[in-house]
Amino acid sequence: MALDNRCLNRVTTGAALGAAVGGAVGACYGTYEAFAYKVPGMLKVRHIGRATVGSSALFGLFLSAGSLLQCGRR
């Protein structure tokens, strides 16, 4: 089954939206976790960044996969 342009746009939009939502959630959770576990000094920035990127990638992957599955349902 070939992907048409509309389906590809839907998948990329899903990935971008998932990455944005995941980044926001990851930044909030990473900040909370860094202060709750008393991460020292500038390691907080690394901890928050790691949580943000990881959450962003995971949410983007799942939302793009869901968009791809919905696209093939026609």
Protein backbone atom coordinates (compact mmCIF):
# COMPACT_ATOMS: atom_id res chain seq x y z
CA MET A 1 0.00 0.00 0.00
CA ALA A 2 1.57 3.25 -1.13
CA LEU A 3 1.41 6.29 1.13
CA ASP A 4 -0.18 9.26 -0.55
CA ASN A 5 0.78 12.84 0.24
CA ARG A 6 -2.15 13.45 2.58
CA CYS A 7 -1.30 10.41 4.67
CA LEU A 8 2.36 11.42 4.89
CA ASN A 9 1.33 14.91 6.02
CA ARG A 10 -0.91 13.40 8.69
CA VAL A 11 1.91 11.19 10.03
CA THR A 12 4.46 14.02 10.13
CA THR A 13 1.94 16.31 11.82
CA GLY A 14 1.25 13.60 14.38
CA ALA A 15 4.97 13.18 15.05
CA ALA A 16 5.48 16.93 15.45
CA LEU A 17 2.49 17.32 17.75
CA GLY A 18 3.56 14.33 19.82
CA ALA A 19 7.09 15.68 20.10
CA ALA A 20 5.81 19.07 21.26
CA VAL A 21 3.48 17.60 23.88
CA GLY A 22 6.11 15.09 24.98
CA GLY A 23 8.72 17.81 25.30
CA ALA A 24 6.47 19.90 27.51
CA VAL A 25 5.56 16.96 29.72
CA GLY A 26 9.17 15.79 29.87
CA ALA A 27 10.42 19.23 30.87
CA CYS A 28 7.88 19.47 33.69
CA TYR A 29 8.56 15.96 34.92
CA GLY A 30 12.32 16.30 34.57
CA THR A 31 12.33 19.53 36.55
CA TYR A 32 10.22 18.00 39.29
CA GLU A 33 12.39 14.88 39.43
CA ALA A 34 15.66 16.87 39.47
CA PHE A 35 14.56 18.89 42.47
CA ALA A 36 12.83 15.99 44.24
CA TYR A 37 15.93 13.77 44.06
CA LYS A 38 18.24 16.71 44.81
CA VAL A 39 20.40 16.40 41.70
CA PRO A 40 23.49 18.54 42.34
CA GLY A 41 24.39 21.75 40.51
CA MET A 42 24.50 21.86 36.73
CA LEU A 43 23.64 18.17 36.46
CA LYS A 44 20.05 19.36 36.82
CA VAL A 45 20.23 20.77 33.29
CA ARG A 46 21.45 17.44 31.91
CA HIS A 47 18.76 15.57 33.82
CA ILE A 48 15.98 17.88 32.61
CA GLY A 49 17.28 17.73 29.03
CA ARG A 50 17.47 13.94 29.06
CA ALA A 51 13.90 13.66 30.37
CA THR A 52 12.68 16.20 27.81
CA VAL A 53 14.32 14.55 24.80
CA GLY A 54 13.33 11.05 25.86
CA SER A 55 9.72 11.94 26.48
CA SER A 56 9.56 13.96 23.27
CA ALA A 57 10.89 11.09 21.17
CA LEU A 58 8.56 8.55 22.76
CA PHE A 59 5.41 10.64 22.45
CA GLY A 60 6.30 11.57 18.88
CA LEU A 61 6.88 7.95 17.93
CA PHE A 62 3.62 6.74 19.41
CA LEU A 63 1.52 9.56 17.99
CA SER A 64 3.02 9.14 14.52
CA ALA A 65 2.44 5.37 14.68
CA GLY A 66 -1.16 5.97 15.71
CA SER A 67 -1.62 8.41 12.87
CA LEU A 68 -0.16 5.88 10.45
CA LEU A 69 -2.56 3.20 11.67
CA GLN A 70 -5.53 5.54 11.35
CA CYS A 71 -4.40 6.54 7.88
CA GLY A 72 -4.50 2.96 6.64
CA ARG A 73 -8.05 2.38 7.86
CA ARG A 74 -9.81 3.90 4.88
